[in-house]
Every structure is written in structure tokens, then in C-alpha cells.
PDB file of N, CA and C in Angstrom:
ATOM      1  N   MET A   1      30.399 -40.949-108.625  1.00  0.00           N
ATOM      2  CA  MET A   1      29.649 -40.671-107.422  1.00  0.00           C
ATOM      3  C   MET A   1      30.418 -39.643-106.592  1.00  0.00           C
ATOM      4  N   LYS A   2      29.717 -38.643-106.144  1.00  0.00           N
ATOM      5  CA  LYS A   2      30.344 -37.642-105.291  1.00  0.00           C
ATOM      6  C   LYS A   2      30.580 -38.221-103.904  1.00  0.00           C
ATOM      7  N   THR A   3      31.587 -37.719-103.242  1.00  0.00           N
ATOM      8  CA  THR A   3      31.839 -38.131-101.869  1.00  0.00           C
ATOM      9  C   THR A   3      31.520 -36.972-100.936  1.00  0.00           C
ATOM     10  N   ALA A   4      31.351 -37.283 -99.689  1.00  0.00           N
ATOM     11  CA  ALA A   4      31.088 -36.271 -98.674  1.00  0.00           C
ATOM     12  C   ALA A   4      32.191 -36.344 -97.637  1.00  0.00           C
ATOM     13  N   THR A   5      32.294 -35.317 -96.847  1.00  0.00           N
ATOM     14  CA  THR A   5      33.309 -35.323 -95.800  1.00  0.00           C
ATOM     15  C   THR A   5      32.648 -35.485 -94.441  1.00  0.00           C
ATOM     16  N   ILE A   6      33.424 -35.997 -93.521  1.00  0.00           N
ATOM     17  CA  ILE A   6      33.011 -36.138 -92.129  1.00  0.00           C
ATOM     18  C   ILE A   6      33.684 -34.994 -91.366  1.00  0.00           C
ATOM     19  N   PRO A   7      33.009 -34.421 -90.396  1.00  0.00           N
ATOM     20  CA  PRO A   7      33.652 -33.345 -89.634  1.00  0.00           C
ATOM     21  C   PRO A   7      34.967 -33.816 -89.009  1.00  0.00           C
ATOM     22  N   SER A   8      35.916 -32.906 -88.939  1.00  0.00           N
ATOM     23  CA  SER A   8      37.199 -33.269 -88.338  1.00  0.00           C
ATOM     24  C   SER A   8      36.972 -33.644 -86.877  1.00  0.00           C
ATOM     25  N   LEU A   9      37.850 -34.457 -86.380  1.00  0.00           N
ATOM     26  CA  LEU A   9      37.692 -35.005 -85.042  1.00  0.00           C
ATOM     27  C   LEU A   9      38.891 -34.602 -84.189  1.00  0.00           C
ATOM     28  N   ARG A  10      38.649 -33.927 -83.108  1.00  0.00           N
ATOM     29  CA  ARG A  10      39.723 -33.553 -82.192  1.00  0.00           C
ATOM     30  C   ARG A  10      39.831 -34.630 -81.113  1.00  0.00           C
ATOM     31  N   VAL A  11      41.043 -35.137 -80.948  1.00  0.00           N
ATOM     32  CA  VAL A  11      41.295 -36.175 -79.945  1.00  0.00           C
ATOM     33  C   VAL A  11      42.565 -35.828 -79.184  1.00  0.00           C
ATOM     34  N   GLU A  12      42.739 -36.492 -78.070  1.00  0.00           N
ATOM     35  CA  GLU A  12      43.970 -36.348 -77.301  1.00  0.00           C
ATOM     36  C   GLU A  12      45.133 -36.919 -78.119  1.00  0.00           C
ATOM     37  N   PRO A  13      46.300 -36.332 -77.990  1.00  0.00           N
ATOM     38  CA  PRO A  13      47.463 -36.843 -78.732  1.00  0.00           C
ATOM     39  C   PRO A  13      47.737 -38.327 -78.466  1.00  0.00           C
ATOM     40  N   GLU A  14      47.444 -38.771 -77.252  1.00  0.00           N
ATOM     41  CA  GLU A  14      47.671 -40.192 -76.922  1.00  0.00           C
ATOM     42  C   GLU A  14      46.771 -41.113 -77.752  1.00  0.00           C
ATOM     43  N   LEU A  15      45.528 -40.691 -77.976  1.00  0.00           N
ATOM     44  CA  LEU A  15      44.609 -41.510 -78.785  1.00  0.00           C
ATOM     45  C   LEU A  15      45.076 -41.558 -80.233  1.00  0.00           C
ATOM     46  N   ARG A  16      45.498 -40.417 -80.760  1.00  0.00           N
ATOM     47  CA  ARG A  16      46.002 -40.404 -82.137  1.00  0.00           C
ATOM     48  C   ARG A  16      47.224 -41.318 -82.267  1.00  0.00           C
ATOM     49  N   ALA A  17      48.132 -41.231 -81.302  1.00  0.00           N
ATOM     50  CA  ALA A  17      49.339 -42.076 -81.333  1.00  0.00           C
ATOM     51  C   ALA A  17      48.959 -43.553 -81.248  1.00  0.00           C
ATOM     52  N   ALA A  18      47.989 -43.870 -80.400  1.00  0.00           N
ATOM     53  CA  ALA A  18      47.542 -45.267 -80.277  1.00  0.00           C
ATOM     54  C   ALA A  18      46.946 -45.757 -81.592  1.00  0.00           C
ATOM     55  N   ALA A  19      46.145 -44.912 -82.233  1.00  0.00           N
ATOM     56  CA  ALA A  19      45.541 -45.292 -83.513  1.00  0.00           C
ATOM     57  C   ALA A  19      46.613 -45.490 -84.572  1.00  0.00           C
ATOM     58  N   GLU A  20      47.549 -44.587 -84.635  1.00  0.00           N
ATOM     59  CA  GLU A  20      48.629 -44.706 -85.621  1.00  0.00           C
ATOM     60  C   GLU A  20      49.483 -45.948 -85.370  1.00  0.00           C
ATOM     61  N   SER A  21      49.599 -46.341 -84.114  1.00  0.00           N
ATOM     62  CA  SER A  21      50.452 -47.490 -83.783  1.00  0.00           C
ATOM     63  C   SER A  21      49.861 -48.818 -84.242  1.00  0.00           C
ATOM     64  N   VAL A  22      48.570 -48.844 -84.545  1.00  0.00           N
ATOM     65  CA  VAL A  22      47.942 -50.104 -84.954  1.00  0.00           C
ATOM     66  C   VAL A  22      47.596 -50.138 -86.446  1.00  0.00           C
ATOM     67  N   LEU A  23      48.021 -49.144 -87.188  1.00  0.00           N
ATOM     68  CA  LEU A  23      47.757 -49.131 -88.624  1.00  0.00           C
ATOM     69  C   LEU A  23      48.470 -50.294 -89.306  1.00  0.00           C
ATOM     70  N   LYS A  24      47.799 -50.903 -90.262  1.00  0.00           N
ATOM     71  CA  LYS A  24      48.395 -51.973 -91.053  1.00  0.00           C
ATOM     72  C   LYS A  24      49.231 -51.346 -92.161  1.00  0.00           C
ATOM     73  N   ASP A  25      50.097 -52.156 -92.774  1.00  0.00           N
ATOM     74  CA  ASP A  25      50.921 -51.650 -93.875  1.00  0.00           C
ATOM     75  C   ASP A  25      50.037 -51.032 -94.949  1.00  0.00           C
ATOM     76  N   GLY A  26      50.339 -49.809 -95.324  1.00  0.00           N
ATOM     77  CA  GLY A  26      49.602 -49.130 -96.380  1.00  0.00           C
ATOM     78  C   GLY A  26      48.289 -48.505 -95.931  1.00  0.00           C
ATOM     79  N   GLU A  27      47.901 -48.720 -94.696  1.00  0.00           N
ATOM     80  CA  GLU A  27      46.641 -48.172 -94.193  1.00  0.00           C
ATOM     81  C   GLU A  27      46.869 -46.750 -93.681  1.00  0.00           C
ATOM     82  N   THR A  28      45.871 -45.917 -93.914  1.00  0.00           N
ATOM     83  CA  THR A  28      45.956 -44.545 -93.431  1.00  0.00           C
ATOM     84  C   THR A  28      45.057 -44.372 -92.216  1.00  0.00           C
ATOM     85  N   LEU A  29      45.306 -43.312 -91.482  1.00  0.00           N
ATOM     86  CA  LEU A  29      44.455 -42.987 -90.344  1.00  0.00           C
ATOM     87  C   LEU A  29      43.025 -42.729 -90.828  1.00  0.00           C
ATOM     88  N   SER A  30      42.892 -42.065 -91.954  1.00  0.00           N
ATOM     89  CA  SER A  30      41.560 -41.822 -92.524  1.00  0.00           C
ATOM     90  C   SER A  30      40.856 -43.132 -92.869  1.00  0.00           C
ATOM     91  N   GLY A  31      41.606 -44.069 -93.428  1.00  0.00           N
ATOM     92  CA  GLY A  31      41.040 -45.371 -93.767  1.00  0.00           C
ATOM     93  C   GLY A  31      40.569 -46.125 -92.535  1.00  0.00           C
ATOM     94  N   LEU A  32      41.371 -46.058 -91.478  1.00  0.00           N
ATOM     95  CA  LEU A  32      40.997 -46.703 -90.218  1.00  0.00           C
ATOM     96  C   LEU A  32      39.713 -46.085 -89.670  1.00  0.00           C
ATOM     97  N   MET A  33      39.640 -44.757 -89.708  1.00  0.00           N
ATOM     98  CA  MET A  33      38.454 -44.061 -89.200  1.00  0.00           C
ATOM     99  C   MET A  33      37.213 -44.405 -90.029  1.00  0.00           C
ATOM    100  N   GLU A  34      37.361 -44.477 -91.353  1.00  0.00           N
ATOM    101  CA  GLU A  34      36.229 -44.824 -92.210  1.00  0.00           C
ATOM    102  C   GLU A  34      35.735 -46.238 -91.907  1.00  0.00           C
ATOM    103  N   GLU A  35      36.666 -47.165 -91.765  1.00  0.00           N
ATOM    104  CA  GLU A  35      36.298 -48.554 -91.449  1.00  0.00           C
ATOM    105  C   GLU A  35      35.574 -48.632 -90.106  1.00  0.00           C
ATOM    106  N   ALA A  36      36.094 -47.922 -89.101  1.00  0.00           N
ATOM    107  CA  ALA A  36      35.461 -47.923 -87.782  1.00  0.00           C
ATOM    108  C   ALA A  36      34.058 -47.328 -87.849  1.00  0.00           C
ATOM    109  N   LEU A  37      33.892 -46.268 -88.611  1.00  0.00           N
ATOM    110  CA  LEU A  37      32.588 -45.640 -88.747  1.00  0.00           C
ATOM    111  C   LEU A  37      31.591 -46.574 -89.431  1.00  0.00           C
ATOM    112  N   LYS A  38      32.022 -47.239 -90.498  1.00  0.00           N
ATOM    113  CA  LYS A  38      31.147 -48.189 -91.191  1.00  0.00           C
ATOM    114  C   LYS A  38      30.711 -49.316 -90.250  1.00  0.00           C
ATOM    115  N   LYS A  39      31.655 -49.850 -89.487  1.00  0.00           N
ATOM    116  CA  LYS A  39      31.327 -50.939 -88.559  1.00  0.00           C
ATOM    117  C   LYS A  39      30.349 -50.482 -87.489  1.00  0.00           C
ATOM    118  N   GLN A  40      30.525 -49.277 -86.985  1.00  0.00           N
ATOM    119  CA  GLN A  40      29.642 -48.763 -85.942  1.00  0.00           C
ATOM    120  C   GLN A  40      28.236 -48.499 -86.488  1.00  0.00           C
ATOM    121  N   VAL A  41      28.146 -47.983 -87.710  1.00  0.00           N
ATOM    122  CA  VAL A  41      26.842 -47.769 -88.339  1.00  0.00           C
ATOM    123  C   VAL A  41      26.133 -49.114 -88.517  1.00  0.00           C
ATOM    124  N   HIS A  42      26.853 -50.118 -89.016  1.00  0.00           N
ATOM    125  CA  HIS A  42      26.262 -51.449 -89.205  1.00  0.00           C
ATOM    126  C   HIS A  42      25.811 -52.028 -87.865  1.00  0.00           C
ATOM    127  N   TYR A  43      26.653 -51.911 -86.849  1.00  0.00           N
ATOM    128  CA  TYR A  43      26.315 -52.433 -85.523  1.00  0.00           C
ATOM    129  C   TYR A  43      25.042 -51.777 -84.993  1.00  0.00           C
ATOM    130  N   ARG A  44      24.951 -50.467 -85.101  1.00  0.00           N
ATOM    131  CA  ARG A  44      23.792 -49.760 -84.557  1.00  0.00           C
ATOM    132  C   ARG A  44      22.516 -50.088 -85.319  1.00  0.00           C
ATOM    133  N   LYS A  45      22.621 -50.252 -86.639  1.00  0.00           N
ATOM    134  CA  LYS A  45      21.436 -50.653 -87.419  1.00  0.00           C
ATOM    135  C   LYS A  45      20.988 -52.052 -87.011  1.00  0.00           C
ATOM    136  N   THR A  46      21.940 -52.955 -86.880  1.00  0.00           N
ATOM    137  CA  THR A  46      21.640 -54.327 -86.476  1.00  0.00           C
ATOM    138  C   THR A  46      21.011 -54.355 -85.089  1.00  0.00           C
ATOM    139  N   GLN A  47      21.556 -53.567 -84.188  1.00  0.00           N
ATOM    140  CA  GLN A  47      21.030 -53.497 -82.825  1.00  0.00           C
ATOM    141  C   GLN A  47      19.598 -52.952 -82.825  1.00  0.00           C
ATOM    142  N   ALA A  48      19.343 -51.917 -83.604  1.00  0.00           N
ATOM    143  CA  ALA A  48      17.998 -51.335 -83.676  1.00  0.00           C
ATOM    144  C   ALA A  48      17.001 -52.344 -84.242  1.00  0.00           C
ATOM    145  N   GLU A  49      17.412 -53.103 -85.262  1.00  0.00           N
ATOM    146  CA  GLU A  49      16.544 -54.126 -85.842  1.00  0.00           C
ATOM    147  C   GLU A  49      16.257 -55.234 -84.832  1.00  0.00           C
ATOM    148  N   PHE A  50      17.272 -55.638 -84.069  1.00  0.00           N
ATOM    149  CA  PHE A  50      17.110 -56.673 -83.046  1.00  0.00           C
ATOM    150  C   PHE A  50      16.097 -56.220 -81.995  1.00  0.00           C
ATOM    151  N   ILE A  51      16.234 -54.984 -81.542  1.00  0.00           N
ATOM    152  CA  ILE A  51      15.313 -54.454 -80.538  1.00  0.00           C
ATOM    153  C   ILE A  51      13.897 -54.380 -81.099  1.00  0.00           C
ATOM    154  N   ALA A  52      13.772 -53.952 -82.347  1.00  0.00           N
ATOM    155  CA  ALA A  52      12.445 -53.871 -82.970  1.00  0.00           C
ATOM    156  C   ALA A  52      11.801 -55.255 -83.049  1.00  0.00           C
ATOM    157  N   ARG A  53      12.583 -56.285 -83.415  1.00  0.00           N
ATOM    158  CA  ARG A  53      12.036 -57.646 -83.468  1.00  0.00           C
ATOM    159  C   ARG A  53      11.612 -58.120 -82.081  1.00  0.00           C
ATOM    160  N   GLY A  54      12.426 -57.791 -81.064  1.00  0.00           N
ATOM    161  CA  GLY A  54      12.077 -58.181 -79.693  1.00  0.00           C
ATOM    162  C   GLY A  54      10.798 -57.519 -79.225  1.00  0.00           C
ATOM    163  N   LEU A  55      10.647 -56.230 -79.513  1.00  0.00           N
ATOM    164  CA  LEU A  55       9.429 -55.523 -79.118  1.00  0.00           C
ATOM    165  C   LEU A  55       8.210 -56.061 -79.857  1.00  0.00           C
ATOM    166  N   ALA A  56       8.388 -56.379 -81.134  1.00  0.00           N
ATOM    167  CA  ALA A  56       7.279 -56.954 -81.905  1.00  0.00           C
ATOM    168  C   ALA A  56       6.894 -58.323 -81.344  1.00  0.00           C
ATOM    169  N   ALA A  57       7.891 -59.120 -80.957  1.00  0.00           N
ATOM    170  CA  ALA A  57       7.617 -60.440 -80.377  1.00  0.00           C
ATOM    171  C   ALA A  57       6.884 -60.295 -79.046  1.00  0.00           C
ATOM    172  N   ARG A  58       7.285 -59.303 -78.262  1.00  0.00           N
ATOM    173  CA  ARG A  58       6.608 -59.046 -76.992  1.00  0.00           C
ATOM    174  C   ARG A  58       5.140 -58.683 -77.222  1.00  0.00           C
ATOM    175  N   GLU A  59       4.896 -57.834 -78.186  1.00  0.00           N
ATOM    176  CA  GLU A  59       3.516 -57.436 -78.486  1.00  0.00           C
ATOM    177  C   GLU A  59       2.704 -58.621 -78.996  1.00  0.00           C
ATOM    178  N   GLU A  60       3.317 -59.456 -79.804  1.00  0.00           N
ATOM    179  CA  GLU A  60       2.614 -60.649 -80.312  1.00  0.00           C
ATOM    180  C   GLU A  60       2.303 -61.600 -79.163  1.00  0.00           C
ATOM    181  N   ALA A  61       3.226 -61.762 -78.223  1.00  0.00           N
ATOM    182  CA  ALA A  61       2.983 -62.625 -77.065  1.00  0.00           C
ATOM    183  C   ALA A  61       1.844 -62.061 -76.219  1.00  0.00           C
ATOM    184  N   LYS A  62       1.830 -60.746 -76.029  1.00  0.00           N
ATOM    185  CA  LYS A  62       0.736 -60.129 -75.274  1.00  0.00           C
ATOM    186  C   LYS A  62      -0.600 -60.356 -75.986  1.00  0.00           C
ATOM    187  N   ARG A  63      -0.568 -60.182 -77.304  1.00  0.00           N
ATOM    188  CA  ARG A  63      -1.803 -60.327 -78.088  1.00  0.00           C
ATOM    189  C   ARG A  63      -2.327 -61.760 -78.051  1.00  0.00           C
ATOM    190  N   SER A  64      -1.417 -62.718 -78.235  1.00  0.00           N
ATOM    191  CA  SER A  64      -1.832 -64.112 -78.330  1.00  0.00           C
ATOM    192  C   SER A  64      -1.915 -64.808 -76.970  1.00  0.00           C
ATOM    193  N   GLY A  65      -1.233 -64.262 -75.978  1.00  0.00           N
ATOM    194  CA  GLY A  65      -1.183 -64.916 -74.669  1.00  0.00           C
ATOM    195  C   GLY A  65      -0.270 -66.123 -74.654  1.00  0.00           C
ATOM    196  N   GLU A  66       0.501 -66.317 -75.720  1.00  0.00           N
ATOM    197  CA  GLU A  66       1.386 -67.477 -75.840  1.00  0.00           C
ATOM    198  C   GLU A  66       2.804 -67.085 -75.436  1.00  0.00           C
ATOM    199  N   TYR A  67       3.261 -67.665 -74.342  1.00  0.00           N
ATOM    200  CA  TYR A  67       4.597 -67.397 -73.827  1.00  0.00           C
ATOM    201  C   TYR A  67       5.351 -68.721 -73.728  1.00  0.00           C
ATOM    202  N   TYR A  68       6.684 -68.652 -73.722  1.00  0.00           N
ATOM    203  CA  TYR A  68       7.505 -69.853 -73.640  1.00  0.00           C
ATOM    204  C   TYR A  68       8.443 -69.740 -72.447  1.00  0.00           C
ATOM    205  N   ASP A  69       8.611 -70.845 -71.747  1.00  0.00           N
ATOM    206  CA  ASP A  69       9.517 -70.909 -70.619  1.00  0.00           C
ATOM    207  C   ASP A  69      10.960 -70.885 -71.142  1.00  0.00           C
ATOM    208  N   ALA A  70      11.818 -70.083 -70.533  1.00  0.00           N
ATOM    209  CA  ALA A  70      13.196 -69.941 -70.989  1.00  0.00           C
ATOM    210  C   ALA A  70      13.931 -71.282 -70.991  1.00  0.00           C
ATOM    211  N   ASP A  71      13.713 -72.112 -69.968  1.00  0.00           N
ATOM    212  CA  ASP A  71      14.396 -73.412 -69.916  1.00  0.00           C
ATOM    213  C   ASP A  71      13.990 -74.292 -71.089  1.00  0.00           C
ATOM    214  N   GLU A  72      12.714 -74.255 -71.460  1.00  0.00           N
ATOM    215  CA  GLU A  72      12.261 -75.041 -72.609  1.00  0.00           C
ATOM    216  C   GLU A  72      12.910 -74.551 -73.900  1.00  0.00           C
ATOM    217  N   VAL A  73      13.000 -73.252 -74.055  1.00  0.00           N
ATOM    218  CA  VAL A  73      13.640 -72.683 -75.247  1.00  0.00           C
ATOM    219  C   VAL A  73      15.108 -73.074 -75.287  1.00  0.00           C
ATOM    220  N   HIS A  74      15.793 -72.971 -74.159  1.00  0.00           N
ATOM    221  CA  HIS A  74      17.206 -73.353 -74.109  1.00  0.00           C
ATOM    222  C   HIS A  74      17.390 -74.823 -74.443  1.00  0.00           C
ATOM    223  N   ASP A  75      16.519 -75.681 -73.923  1.00  0.00           N
ATOM    224  CA  ASP A  75      16.599 -77.112 -74.221  1.00  0.00           C
ATOM    225  C   ASP A  75      16.421 -77.373 -75.710  1.00  0.00           C
ATOM    226  N   GLU A  76      15.457 -76.684 -76.309  1.00  0.00           N
ATOM    227  CA  GLU A  76      15.217 -76.860 -77.744  1.00  0.00           C
ATOM    228  C   GLU A  76      16.412 -76.368 -78.564  1.00  0.00           C
ATOM    229  N   LEU A  77      16.987 -75.250 -78.193  1.00  0.00           N
ATOM    230  CA  LEU A  77      18.162 -74.731 -78.900  1.00  0.00           C
ATOM    231  C   LEU A  77      19.353 -75.666 -78.740  1.00  0.00           C
ATOM    232  N   ARG A  78      19.531 -76.218 -77.528  1.00  0.00           N
ATOM    233  CA  ARG A  78      20.611 -77.185 -77.302  1.00  0.00           C
ATOM    234  C   ARG A  78      20.437 -78.410 -78.193  1.00  0.00           C
ATOM    235  N   ALA A  79      19.205 -78.896 -78.296  1.00  0.00           N
ATOM    236  CA  ALA A  79      18.924 -80.062 -79.142  1.00  0.00           C
ATOM    237  C   ALA A  79      19.220 -79.751 -80.606  1.00  0.00           C
ATOM    238  N   MET A  80      18.856 -78.564 -81.045  1.00  0.00           N
ATOM    239  CA  MET A  80      19.134 -78.170 -82.431  1.00  0.00           C
ATOM    240  C   MET A  80      20.642 -78.102 -82.679  1.00  0.00           C
ATOM    241  N   LEU A  81      21.377 -77.557 -81.718  1.00  0.00           N
ATOM    242  CA  LEU A  81      22.818 -77.449 -81.842  1.00  0.00           C
ATOM    243  C   LEU A  81      23.458 -78.835 -81.880  1.00  0.00           C
ATOM    244  N   GLU A  82      23.036 -79.703 -81.014  1.00  0.00           N
ATOM    245  CA  GLU A  82      23.583 -81.067 -80.996  1.00  0.00           C
ATOM    246  C   GLU A  82      23.281 -81.802 -82.303  1.00  0.00           C
ATOM    247  N   ALA A  83      22.083 -81.614 -82.824  1.00  0.00           N
ATOM    248  CA  ALA A  83      21.714 -82.262 -84.091  1.00  0.00           C
ATOM    249  C   ALA A  83      22.617 -81.757 -85.213  1.00  0.00           C
ATOM    250  N   LYS A  84      22.882 -80.465 -85.234  1.00  0.00           N
ATOM    251  CA  LYS A  84      23.742 -79.898 -86.280  1.00  0.00           C
ATOM    252  C   LYS A  84      25.171 -80.400 -86.116  1.00  0.00           C
ATOM    253  N   ARG A  85      25.639 -80.466 -84.886  1.00  0.00           N
ATOM    254  CA  ARG A  85      27.004 -80.980 -84.638  1.00  0.00           C
ATOM    255  C   ARG A  85      27.111 -82.434 -85.087  1.00  0.00           C
ATOM    256  N   ALA A  86      26.099 -83.236 -84.799  1.00  0.00           N
ATOM    257  CA  ALA A  86      26.102 -84.645 -85.209  1.00  0.00           C
ATOM    258  C   ALA A  86      26.115 -84.748 -86.732  1.00  0.00           C
ATOM    259  N   GLU A  87      25.354 -83.896 -87.368  1.00  0.00           N
ATOM    260  CA  GLU A  87      25.302 -83.883 -88.841  1.00  0.00           C
ATOM    261  C   GLU A  87      26.664 -83.531 -89.422  1.00  0.00           C
ATOM    262  N   LEU A  88      27.354 -82.598 -88.821  1.00  0.00           N
ATOM    263  CA  LEU A  88      28.663 -82.170 -89.325  1.00  0.00           C
ATOM    264  C   LEU A  88      29.754 -83.231 -89.081  1.00  0.00           C
ATOM    265  N   ARG A  89      29.570 -84.054 -88.042  1.00  0.00           N
ATOM    266  CA  ARG A  89      30.552 -85.103 -87.735  1.00  0.00           C
ATOM    267  C   ARG A  89      30.488 -86.227 -88.755  1.00  0.00           C
ATOM    268  N   LYS A  90      29.356 -86.372 -89.432  1.00  0.00           N
ATOM    269  CA  LYS A  90      29.204 -87.477 -90.404  1.00  0.00           C
ATOM    270  C   LYS A  90      29.975 -87.229 -91.669  1.00  0.00           C
TER     271      LYS A  90
END
């Protein structure tokens, strides 16, 4: 598989020094940058999907006229959490 390059990144010397200071044994600055880029891409995709689901839920609520009170939802989630905790304690 061919690889591609990312444009070079100009940063302040202090930022480069800070990045180099947190490298793990055997890790390169390039490796750190690649890992950070992958995490940011994943985060942004996840965030976009979350927003899309929220907007779709809003449209469905408008269409159906069915809305839920936040306190009721929180109570139901608390009950689910407590049930799971009780199950794990057994």
C-alpha cells in the first residue's frame, strides 16, 4: 500500500520542545503527530455522527409530537445504571 505525506507543520520552538519532552521510549515526533491526527479524525467523525443522530431525533420528535421530560429520562437512566450495578455486585 502506498503512503501519503502530510504537509509540514510550522510551530513555535516551545511547542516542539514540549512535544519532544513527552515522547515515550522509542517514539518519534512523527509517530506522536500521526497518533494525534488519527485520534482527532476519529473524534470529529464521532462528533458529526452524534450531531446527525440528535438532529434526526429532533425531526422525529417534531414529526411524531412525542417528547420526553428530561427528569423522566434521567430517572430512567439512573434506574438502568442501578440495575446494572446490582447485577455486577452479584
